[in-house]
PDB file of N, CA and C in Angstrom:
ATOM      1  N   MET A   1     113.992 102.647 105.243  1.00  0.00           N
ATOM      2  CA  MET A   1     114.101 101.232 105.022  1.00  0.00           C
ATOM      3  C   MET A   1     115.519 100.946 104.564  1.00  0.00           C
ATOM      4  N   GLU A   2     116.359 100.456 105.424  1.00  0.00           N
ATOM      5  CA  GLU A   2     117.718 100.073 105.041  1.00  0.00           C
ATOM      6  C   GLU A   2     117.662  98.888 104.086  1.00  0.00           C
ATOM      7  N   SER A   3     117.138  97.779 104.531  1.00  0.00           N
ATOM      8  CA  SER A   3     116.859  96.661 103.634  1.00  0.00           C
ATOM      9  C   SER A   3     115.743  95.845 104.269  1.00  0.00           C
ATOM     10  N   TYR A   4     115.004  95.155 103.422  1.00  0.00           N
ATOM     11  CA  TYR A   4     113.863  94.405 103.918  1.00  0.00           C
ATOM     12  C   TYR A   4     113.626  93.224 102.993  1.00  0.00           C
ATOM     13  N   GLN A   5     113.260  92.112 103.587  1.00  0.00           N
ATOM     14  CA  GLN A   5     112.838  90.950 102.830  1.00  0.00           C
ATOM     15  C   GLN A   5     111.786  90.247 103.658  1.00  0.00           C
ATOM     16  N   GLY A   6     110.591  90.168 103.135  1.00  0.00           N
ATOM     17  CA  GLY A   6     109.539  89.493 103.872  1.00  0.00           C
ATOM     18  C   GLY A   6     108.158  89.917 103.433  1.00  0.00           C
ATOM     19  N   LEU A   7     107.201  89.590 104.264  1.00  0.00           N
ATOM     20  CA  LEU A   7     105.813  89.905 103.971  1.00  0.00           C
ATOM     21  C   LEU A   7     105.495  91.336 104.361  1.00  0.00           C
ATOM     22  N   ALA A   8     104.604  91.942 103.610  1.00  0.00           N
ATOM     23  CA  ALA A   8     104.123  93.292 103.889  1.00  0.00           C
ATOM     24  C   ALA A   8     102.747  93.417 103.239  1.00  0.00           C
ATOM     25  N   THR A   9     102.133  94.570 103.395  1.00  0.00           N
ATOM     26  CA  THR A   9     100.821  94.817 102.821  1.00  0.00           C
ATOM     27  C   THR A   9     100.841  96.135 102.069  1.00  0.00           C
ATOM     28  N   LEU A  10     100.252  96.147 100.878  1.00  0.00           N
ATOM     29  CA  LEU A  10     100.010  97.395 100.166  1.00  0.00           C
ATOM     30  C   LEU A  10      98.575  97.801 100.467  1.00  0.00           C
ATOM     31  N   GLU A  11      98.386  99.047 100.885  1.00  0.00           N
ATOM     32  CA  GLU A  11      97.045  99.550 101.209  1.00  0.00           C
ATOM     33  C   GLU A  11      96.777 100.796 100.378  1.00  0.00           C
ATOM     34  N   TRP A  12      95.550 100.948  99.911  1.00  0.00           N
ATOM     35  CA  TRP A  12      95.154 102.134  99.153  1.00  0.00           C
ATOM     36  C   TRP A  12      94.054 102.829  99.954  1.00  0.00           C
ATOM     37  N   TRP A  13      94.355 104.042 100.426  1.00  0.00           N
ATOM     38  CA  TRP A  13      93.446 104.790 101.285  1.00  0.00           C
ATOM     39  C   TRP A  13      92.784 105.923 100.514  1.00  0.00           C
ATOM     40  N   ALA A  14      91.449 106.002 100.595  1.00  0.00           N
ATOM     41  CA  ALA A  14      90.703 107.107  99.986  1.00  0.00           C
ATOM     42  C   ALA A  14      90.808 108.353 100.854  1.00  0.00           C
ATOM     43  N   ASN A  15      90.843 108.155 102.172  1.00  0.00           N
ATOM     44  CA  ASN A  15      91.017 109.239 103.146  1.00  0.00           C
ATOM     45  C   ASN A  15      91.527 108.595 104.435  1.00  0.00           C
ATOM     46  N   ARG A  16      91.618 109.358 105.502  1.00  0.00           N
ATOM     47  CA  ARG A  16      92.198 108.832 106.747  1.00  0.00           C
ATOM     48  C   ARG A  16      91.411 107.679 107.368  1.00  0.00           C
ATOM     49  N   SER A  17      90.149 107.532 106.997  1.00  0.00           N
ATOM     50  CA  SER A  17      89.349 106.492 107.646  1.00  0.00           C
ATOM     51  C   SER A  17      88.844 105.402 106.694  1.00  0.00           C
ATOM     52  N   THR A  18      89.116 105.512 105.401  1.00  0.00           N
ATOM     53  CA  THR A  18      88.569 104.557 104.450  1.00  0.00           C
ATOM     54  C   THR A  18      89.660 103.910 103.598  1.00  0.00           C
ATOM     55  N   CYS A  19      89.937 102.647 103.878  1.00  0.00           N
ATOM     56  CA  CYS A  19      90.893 101.875 103.081  1.00  0.00           C
ATOM     57  C   CYS A  19      90.096 101.086 102.038  1.00  0.00           C
ATOM     58  N   LEU A  20      90.389 101.324 100.756  1.00  0.00           N
ATOM     59  CA  LEU A  20      89.640 100.665  99.685  1.00  0.00           C
ATOM     60  C   LEU A  20      90.262  99.356  99.218  1.00  0.00           C
ATOM     61  N   GLY A  21      91.488  99.079  99.654  1.00  0.00           N
ATOM     62  CA  GLY A  21      92.107  97.828  99.240  1.00  0.00           C
ATOM     63  C   GLY A  21      93.337  97.496 100.056  1.00  0.00           C
ATOM     64  N   ARG A  22      93.478  96.210 100.397  1.00  0.00           N
ATOM     65  CA  ARG A  22      94.668  95.686 101.091  1.00  0.00           C
ATOM     66  C   ARG A  22      95.131  94.459 100.326  1.00  0.00           C
ATOM     67  N   PHE A  23      96.440  94.433 100.032  1.00  0.00           N
ATOM     68  CA  PHE A  23      96.982  93.352  99.225  1.00  0.00           C
ATOM     69  C   PHE A  23      98.267  92.860  99.867  1.00  0.00           C
ATOM     70  N   ASP A  24      98.315  91.580 100.220  1.00  0.00           N
ATOM     71  CA  ASP A  24      99.521  90.990 100.807  1.00  0.00           C
ATOM     72  C   ASP A  24     100.574  90.824  99.722  1.00  0.00           C
ATOM     73  N   ILE A  25     101.817  91.190 100.055  1.00  0.00           N
ATOM     74  CA  ILE A  25     102.913  91.072  99.099  1.00  0.00           C
ATOM     75  C   ILE A  25     104.129  90.453  99.771  1.00  0.00           C
ATOM     76  N   ARG A  26     105.048  89.989  98.972  1.00  0.00           N
ATOM     77  CA  ARG A  26     106.393  89.609  99.405  1.00  0.00           C
ATOM     78  C   ARG A  26     107.309  90.668  98.828  1.00  0.00           C
ATOM     79  N   ALA A  27     108.049  91.348  99.697  1.00  0.00           N
ATOM     80  CA  ALA A  27     108.899  92.460  99.272  1.00  0.00           C
ATOM     81  C   ALA A  27     110.363  92.153  99.549  1.00  0.00           C
ATOM     82  N   THR A  28     111.224  92.602  98.639  1.00  0.00           N
ATOM     83  CA  THR A  28     112.667  92.477  98.791  1.00  0.00           C
ATOM     84  C   THR A  28     113.298  93.744  98.261  1.00  0.00           C
ATOM     85  N   GLY A  29     114.106  94.423  99.085  1.00  0.00           N
ATOM     86  CA  GLY A  29     114.772  95.612  98.579  1.00  0.00           C
ATOM     87  C   GLY A  29     115.476  96.399  99.653  1.00  0.00           C
ATOM     88  N   SER A  30     116.039  97.540  99.222  1.00  0.00           N
ATOM     89  CA  SER A  30     116.751  98.426 100.134  1.00  0.00           C
ATOM     90  C   SER A  30     116.809  99.822  99.545  1.00  0.00           C
ATOM     91  N   ASP A  31     117.263 100.766 100.358  1.00  0.00           N
ATOM     92  CA  ASP A  31     117.447 102.151  99.919  1.00  0.00           C
ATOM     93  C   ASP A  31     116.196 102.738  99.279  1.00  0.00           C
ATOM     94  N   TRP A  32     115.043 102.508  99.869  1.00  0.00           N
ATOM     95  CA  TRP A  32     113.764 103.090  99.456  1.00  0.00           C
ATOM     96  C   TRP A  32     113.260 102.567  98.119  1.00  0.00           C
ATOM     97  N   THR A  33     113.833 101.493  97.629  1.00  0.00           N
ATOM     98  CA  THR A  33     113.351 100.853  96.408  1.00  0.00           C
ATOM     99  C   THR A  33     113.264  99.362  96.671  1.00  0.00           C
ATOM    100  N   CYS A  34     112.191  98.736  96.235  1.00  0.00           N
ATOM    101  CA  CYS A  34     112.122  97.287  96.384  1.00  0.00           C
ATOM    102  C   CYS A  34     111.275  96.689  95.283  1.00  0.00           C
ATOM    103  N   HIS A  35     111.386  95.399  95.148  1.00  0.00           N
ATOM    104  CA  HIS A  35     110.572  94.641  94.214  1.00  0.00           C
ATOM    105  C   HIS A  35     109.583  93.842  95.041  1.00  0.00           C
ATOM    106  N   ALA A  36     108.416  93.650  94.492  1.00  0.00           N
ATOM    107  CA  ALA A  36     107.383  92.941  95.236  1.00  0.00           C
ATOM    108  C   ALA A  36     106.583  92.062  94.289  1.00  0.00           C
ATOM    109  N   LYS A  37     105.917  91.110  94.875  1.00  0.00           N
ATOM    110  CA  LYS A  37     104.999  90.253  94.145  1.00  0.00           C
ATOM    111  C   LYS A  37     103.827  89.989  95.065  1.00  0.00           C
ATOM    112  N   LEU A  38     102.610  90.027  94.505  1.00  0.00           N
ATOM    113  CA  LEU A  38     101.453  89.695  95.323  1.00  0.00           C
ATOM    114  C   LEU A  38     101.689  88.312  95.900  1.00  0.00           C
ATOM    115  N   ASP A  39     101.506  88.179  97.215  1.00  0.00           N
ATOM    116  CA  ASP A  39     101.864  86.956  97.935  1.00  0.00           C
ATOM    117  C   ASP A  39     101.119  85.745  97.396  1.00  0.00           C
ATOM    118  N   VAL A  40      99.853  85.882  97.256  1.00  0.00           N
ATOM    119  CA  VAL A  40      99.024  84.820  96.704  1.00  0.00           C
ATOM    120  C   VAL A  40      98.255  85.465  95.563  1.00  0.00           C
ATOM    121  N   PRO A  41      98.226  84.857  94.394  1.00  0.00           N
ATOM    122  CA  PRO A  41      97.442  85.488  93.337  1.00  0.00           C
ATOM    123  C   PRO A  41      96.029  85.759  93.848  1.00  0.00           C
ATOM    124  N   PRO A  42      95.612  87.014  93.788  1.00  0.00           N
ATOM    125  CA  PRO A  42      94.306  87.345  94.357  1.00  0.00           C
ATOM    126  C   PRO A  42      93.171  86.773  93.520  1.00  0.00           C
ATOM    127  N   PRO A  43      92.027  86.531  94.159  1.00  0.00           N
ATOM    128  CA  PRO A  43      90.851  86.131  93.384  1.00  0.00           C
ATOM    129  C   PRO A  43      90.577  87.196  92.319  1.00  0.00           C
ATOM    130  N   GLU A  44      89.897  86.815  91.268  1.00  0.00           N
ATOM    131  CA  GLU A  44      89.681  87.719  90.128  1.00  0.00           C
ATOM    132  C   GLU A  44      89.093  89.065  90.545  1.00  0.00           C
ATOM    133  N   ASN A  45      88.125  89.070  91.484  1.00  0.00           N
ATOM    134  CA  ASN A  45      87.535  90.351  91.885  1.00  0.00           C
ATOM    135  C   ASN A  45      88.553  91.231  92.606  1.00  0.00           C
ATOM    136  N   ASN A  46      89.470  90.644  93.391  1.00  0.00           N
ATOM    137  CA  ASN A  46      90.513  91.438  94.040  1.00  0.00           C
ATOM    138  C   ASN A  46      91.516  91.956  93.022  1.00  0.00           C
ATOM    139  N   ARG A  47      91.817  91.181  91.995  1.00  0.00           N
ATOM    140  CA  ARG A  47      92.724  91.623  90.928  1.00  0.00           C
ATOM    141  C   ARG A  47      92.118  92.838  90.220  1.00  0.00           C
ATOM    142  N   GLU A  48      90.811  92.796  89.981  1.00  0.00           N
ATOM    143  CA  GLU A  48      90.141  93.928  89.341  1.00  0.00           C
ATOM    144  C   GLU A  48      90.220  95.164  90.223  1.00  0.00           C
ATOM    145  N   VAL A  49      90.040  95.008  91.532  1.00  0.00           N
ATOM    146  CA  VAL A  49      90.150  96.137  92.461  1.00  0.00           C
ATOM    147  C   VAL A  49      91.569  96.693  92.434  1.00  0.00           C
ATOM    148  N   PHE A  50      92.574  95.816  92.489  1.00  0.00           N
ATOM    149  CA  PHE A  50      93.967  96.255  92.449  1.00  0.00           C
ATOM    150  C   PHE A  50      94.249  97.021  91.157  1.00  0.00           C
ATOM    151  N   ASP A  51      93.825  96.480  90.020  1.00  0.00           N
ATOM    152  CA  ASP A  51      94.050  97.140  88.734  1.00  0.00           C
ATOM    153  C   ASP A  51      93.362  98.501  88.687  1.00  0.00           C
ATOM    154  N   PHE A  52      92.136  98.576  89.185  1.00  0.00           N
ATOM    155  CA  PHE A  52      91.406  99.847  89.211  1.00  0.00           C
ATOM    156  C   PHE A  52      92.132 100.883  90.063  1.00  0.00           C
ATOM    157  N   LEU A  53      92.575 100.494  91.256  1.00  0.00           N
ATOM    158  CA  LEU A  53      93.271 101.429  92.139  1.00  0.00           C
ATOM    159  C   LEU A  53      94.602 101.867  91.538  1.00  0.00           C
ATOM    160  N   MET A  54      95.296 100.969  90.864  1.00  0.00           N
ATOM    161  CA  MET A  54      96.550 101.328  90.192  1.00  0.00           C
ATOM    162  C   MET A  54      96.304 102.387  89.123  1.00  0.00           C
ATOM    163  N   GLU A  55      95.217 102.243  88.373  1.00  0.00           N
ATOM    164  CA  GLU A  55      94.894 103.230  87.341  1.00  0.00           C
ATOM    165  C   GLU A  55      94.472 104.553  87.955  1.00  0.00           C
ATOM    166  N   LEU A  56      93.766 104.497  89.061  1.00  0.00           N
ATOM    167  CA  LEU A  56      93.287 105.703  89.723  1.00  0.00           C
ATOM    168  C   LEU A  56      94.440 106.515  90.293  1.00  0.00           C
ATOM    169  N   ASP A  57      95.327 105.867  91.034  1.00  0.00           N
ATOM    170  CA  ASP A  57      96.496 106.526  91.626  1.00  0.00           C
ATOM    171  C   ASP A  57      97.430 105.437  92.140  1.00  0.00           C
ATOM    172  N   PRO A  58      98.639 105.336  91.592  1.00  0.00           N
ATOM    173  CA  PRO A  58      99.533 104.244  91.977  1.00  0.00           C
ATOM    174  C   PRO A  58     100.305 104.483  93.272  1.00  0.00           C
ATOM    175  N   VAL A  59      99.828 105.388  94.129  1.00  0.00           N
ATOM    176  CA  VAL A  59     100.486 105.632  95.420  1.00  0.00           C
ATOM    177  C   VAL A  59      99.754 104.823  96.490  1.00  0.00           C
ATOM    178  N   PHE A  60     100.492 103.909  97.113  1.00  0.00           N
ATOM    179  CA  PHE A  60      99.944 103.032  98.146  1.00  0.00           C
ATOM    180  C   PHE A  60     100.718 103.236  99.443  1.00  0.00           C
ATOM    181  N   VAL A  61     100.127 102.786 100.539  1.00  0.00           N
ATOM    182  CA  VAL A  61     100.848 102.703 101.813  1.00  0.00           C
ATOM    183  C   VAL A  61     101.443 101.305 101.878  1.00  0.00           C
ATOM    184  N   LEU A  62     102.748 101.224 102.080  1.00  0.00           N
ATOM    185  CA  LEU A  62     103.417  99.945 102.296  1.00  0.00           C
ATOM    186  C   LEU A  62     103.503  99.748 103.800  1.00  0.00           C
ATOM    187  N   ARG A  63     102.797  98.737 104.315  1.00  0.00           N
ATOM    188  CA  ARG A  63     102.762  98.472 105.756  1.00  0.00           C
ATOM    189  C   ARG A  63     103.555  97.200 106.045  1.00  0.00           C
ATOM    190  N   PHE A  64     104.592  97.378 106.845  1.00  0.00           N
ATOM    191  CA  PHE A  64     105.402  96.239 107.254  1.00  0.00           C
ATOM    192  C   PHE A  64     104.730  95.585 108.454  1.00  0.00           C
ATOM    193  N   TYR A  65     105.052  94.342 108.727  1.00  0.00           N
ATOM    194  CA  TYR A  65     104.356  93.619 109.784  1.00  0.00           C
ATOM    195  C   TYR A  65     104.699  94.094 111.188  1.00  0.00           C
ATOM    196  N   GLU A  66     105.736  94.911 111.343  1.00  0.00           N
ATOM    197  CA  GLU A  66     105.974  95.515 112.657  1.00  0.00           C
ATOM    198  C   GLU A  66     105.209  96.835 112.776  1.00  0.00           C
ATOM    199  N   GLU A  67     104.334  97.117 111.786  1.00  0.00           N
ATOM    200  CA  GLU A  67     103.420  98.256 111.744  1.00  0.00           C
ATOM    201  C   GLU A  67     104.031  99.567 111.262  1.00  0.00           C
ATOM    202  N   SER A  68     105.306  99.607 110.883  1.00  0.00           N
ATOM    203  CA  SER A  68     105.820 100.837 110.279  1.00  0.00           C
ATOM    204  C   SER A  68     105.260 100.937 108.859  1.00  0.00           C
ATOM    205  N   THR A  69     105.166 102.169 108.345  1.00  0.00           N
ATOM    206  CA  THR A  69     104.586 102.386 107.027  1.00  0.00           C
ATOM    207  C   THR A  69     105.458 103.322 106.199  1.00  0.00           C
ATOM    208  N   LEU A  70     105.232 103.278 104.898  1.00  0.00           N
ATOM    209  CA  LEU A  70     105.945 104.121 103.955  1.00  0.00           C
ATOM    210  C   LEU A  70     105.041 104.317 102.748  1.00  0.00           C
ATOM    211  N   LEU A  71     104.888 105.579 102.287  1.00  0.00           N
ATOM    212  CA  LEU A  71     104.156 105.828 101.049  1.00  0.00           C
ATOM    213  C   LEU A  71     105.045 105.432  99.882  1.00  0.00           C
ATOM    214  N   VAL A  72     104.491 104.658  98.936  1.00  0.00           N
ATOM    215  CA  VAL A  72     105.282 104.196  97.799  1.00  0.00           C
ATOM    216  C   VAL A  72     104.516 104.362  96.490  1.00  0.00           C
ATOM    217  N   ASN A  73     105.272 104.603  95.428  1.00  0.00           N
ATOM    218  CA  ASN A  73     104.746 104.514  94.066  1.00  0.00           C
ATOM    219  C   ASN A  73     104.851 103.057  93.653  1.00  0.00           C
ATOM    220  N   VAL A  74     103.812 102.541  93.028  1.00  0.00           N
ATOM    221  CA  VAL A  74     103.801 101.149  92.586  1.00  0.00           C
ATOM    222  C   VAL A  74     103.754 101.129  91.058  1.00  0.00           C
ATOM    223  N   VAL A  75     104.660 100.367  90.458  1.00  0.00           N
ATOM    224  CA  VAL A  75     104.731 100.239  89.002  1.00  0.00           C
ATOM    225  C   VAL A  75     104.831  98.762  88.664  1.00  0.00           C
ATOM    226  N   ARG A  76     104.079  98.336  87.659  1.00  0.00           N
ATOM    227  CA  ARG A  76     104.216  96.954  87.184  1.00  0.00           C
ATOM    228  C   ARG A  76     105.507  96.838  86.382  1.00  0.00           C
ATOM    229  N   THR A  77     106.197  95.727  86.536  1.00  0.00           N
ATOM    230  CA  THR A  77     107.413  95.490  85.757  1.00  0.00           C
ATOM    231  C   THR A  77     107.089  94.565  84.589  1.00  0.00           C
ATOM    232  N   ALA A  78     108.076  94.334  83.743  1.00  0.00           N
ATOM    233  CA  ALA A  78     107.882  93.460  82.586  1.00  0.00           C
ATOM    234  C   ALA A  78     107.654  92.005  82.999  1.00  0.00           C
ATOM    235  N   GLU A  79     108.189  91.625  84.173  1.00  0.00           N
ATOM    236  CA  GLU A  79     107.988  90.256  84.656  1.00  0.00           C
ATOM    237  C   GLU A  79     106.558  90.098  85.153  1.00  0.00           C
ATOM    238  N   SER A  80     105.908  89.062  84.728  1.00  0.00           N
ATOM    239  CA  SER A  80     104.516  88.824  85.083  1.00  0.00           C
ATOM    240  C   SER A  80     104.306  88.803  86.592  1.00  0.00           C
ATOM    241  N   GLY A  81     103.392  89.636  87.056  1.00  0.00           N
ATOM    242  CA  GLY A  81     103.038  89.650  88.467  1.00  0.00           C
ATOM    243  C   GLY A  81     103.982  90.402  89.372  1.00  0.00           C
ATOM    244  N   ARG A  82     105.069  90.924  88.857  1.00  0.00           N
ATOM    245  CA  ARG A  82     106.047  91.640  89.687  1.00  0.00           C
ATOM    246  C   ARG A  82     105.743  93.129  89.700  1.00  0.00           C
ATOM    247  N   LEU A  83     106.083  93.746  90.830  1.00  0.00           N
ATOM    248  CA  LEU A  83     105.875  95.175  91.028  1.00  0.00           C
ATOM    249  C   LEU A  83     107.187  95.811  91.458  1.00  0.00           C
ATOM    250  N   ALA A  84     107.381  97.075  91.104  1.00  0.00           N
ATOM    251  CA  ALA A  84     108.514  97.854  91.605  1.00  0.00           C
ATOM    252  C   ALA A  84     107.941  98.935  92.513  1.00  0.00           C
ATOM    253  N   LEU A  85     108.494  99.053  93.712  1.00  0.00           N
ATOM    254  CA  LEU A  85     108.034 100.043  94.683  1.00  0.00           C
ATOM    255  C   LEU A  85     109.160 101.034  94.939  1.00  0.00           C
ATOM    256  N   THR A  86     108.830 102.324  94.898  1.00  0.00           N
ATOM    257  CA  THR A  86     109.803 103.363  95.235  1.00  0.00           C
ATOM    258  C   THR A  86     109.154 104.336  96.202  1.00  0.00           C
ATOM    259  N   ALA A  87     109.945 104.923  97.078  1.00  0.00           N
ATOM    260  CA  ALA A  87     109.420 105.880  98.055  1.00  0.00           C
ATOM    261  C   ALA A  87     108.751 107.034  97.324  1.00  0.00           C
ATOM    262  N   TYR A  88     107.579 107.411  97.784  1.00  0.00           N
ATOM    263  CA  TYR A  88     106.814 108.506  97.194  1.00  0.00           C
ATOM    264  C   TYR A  88     107.299 109.828  97.755  1.00  0.00           C
ATOM    265  N   GLU A  89     107.580 110.773  96.879  1.00  0.00           N
ATOM    266  CA  GLU A  89     107.945 112.126  97.287  1.00  0.00           C
ATOM    267  C   GLU A  89     107.016 113.087  96.571  1.00  0.00           C
ATOM    268  N   PRO A  90     106.115 113.751  97.306  1.00  0.00           N
ATOM    269  CA  PRO A  90     105.202 114.692  96.665  1.00  0.00           C
ATOM    270  C   PRO A  90     105.978 115.827  96.004  1.00  0.00           C
ATOM    271  N   ALA A  91     105.457 116.319  94.892  1.00  0.00           N
ATOM    272  CA  ALA A  91     106.088 117.448  94.204  1.00  0.00           C
ATOM    273  C   ALA A  91     106.180 118.628  95.158  1.00  0.00           C
ATOM    274  N   GLY A  92     107.328 119.284  95.160  1.00  0.00           N
ATOM    275  CA  GLY A  92     107.506 120.456  96.011  1.00  0.00           C
ATOM    276  C   GLY A  92     108.016 120.155  97.398  1.00  0.00           C
ATOM    277  N   LEU A  93     108.106 118.880  97.765  1.00  0.00           N
ATOM    278  CA  LEU A  93     108.584 118.528  99.094  1.00  0.00           C
ATOM    279  C   LEU A  93     109.918 117.790  99.040  1.00  0.00           C
ATOM    280  N   ALA A  94     110.573 117.838  97.918  1.00  0.00           N
ATOM    281  CA  ALA A  94     111.802 117.071  97.755  1.00  0.00           C
ATOM    282  C   ALA A  94     113.010 117.715  98.414  1.00  0.00           C
ATOM    283  N   GLY A  95     112.843 118.868  99.052  1.00  0.00           N
ATOM    284  CA  GLY A  95     113.943 119.486  99.772  1.00  0.00           C
ATOM    285  C   GLY A  95     114.662 120.565  98.996  1.00  0.00           C
ATOM    286  N   SER A  96     114.290 120.779  97.736  1.00  0.00           N
ATOM    287  CA  SER A  96     114.992 121.779  96.941  1.00  0.00           C
ATOM    288  C   SER A  96     114.399 123.174  97.098  1.00  0.00           C
ATOM    289  N   GLU A  97     113.208 123.268  97.645  1.00  0.00           N
ATOM    290  CA  GLU A  97     112.576 124.572  97.822  1.00  0.00           C
ATOM    291  C   GLU A  97     112.864 125.107  99.210  1.00  0.00           C
ATOM    292  N   GLN A  98     113.001 126.410  99.297  1.00  0.00           N
ATOM    293  CA  GLN A  98     113.197 127.052 100.591  1.00  0.00           C
ATOM    294  C   GLN A  98     112.077 128.047 100.816  1.00  0.00           C
ATOM    295  N   VAL A  99     111.713 128.233 102.053  1.00  0.00           N
ATOM    296  CA  VAL A  99     110.667 129.185 102.407  1.00  0.00           C
ATOM    297  C   VAL A  99     111.244 130.590 102.297  1.00  0.00           C
ATOM    298  N   PRO A 100     110.570 131.505 101.561  1.00  0.00           N
ATOM    299  CA  PRO A 100     111.081 132.877 101.468  1.00  0.00           C
ATOM    300  C   PRO A 100     111.044 133.565 102.817  1.00  0.00           C
ATOM    301  N   ARG A 101     112.015 134.450 103.052  1.00  0.00           N
ATOM    302  CA  ARG A 101     112.063 135.178 104.326  1.00  0.00           C
ATOM    303  C   ARG A 101     111.605 136.579 104.147  1.00  0.00           C
TER     304      ARG A 101
END
């Protein structure tokens, strides 16, 4: 993601076939980091689902409207309703490890 500003969706997947939550957001950012805000304040039951999924695991799929995706860590910021998204890098896959020969 060089830079992006627009609508996107945060999705939380339990496995390859089961999406437990989809949340429309407005995202602005670049260099694998962006700020986001839920596009429309979700109904109370959707807010509860979002909060539950955040507590369970804050790694979501960020889906752009051209259908490209990126795994991101989601963190709430001090500003009400704002989120910070950063590219997710699983432990051990950051490029510093080499396969023994």
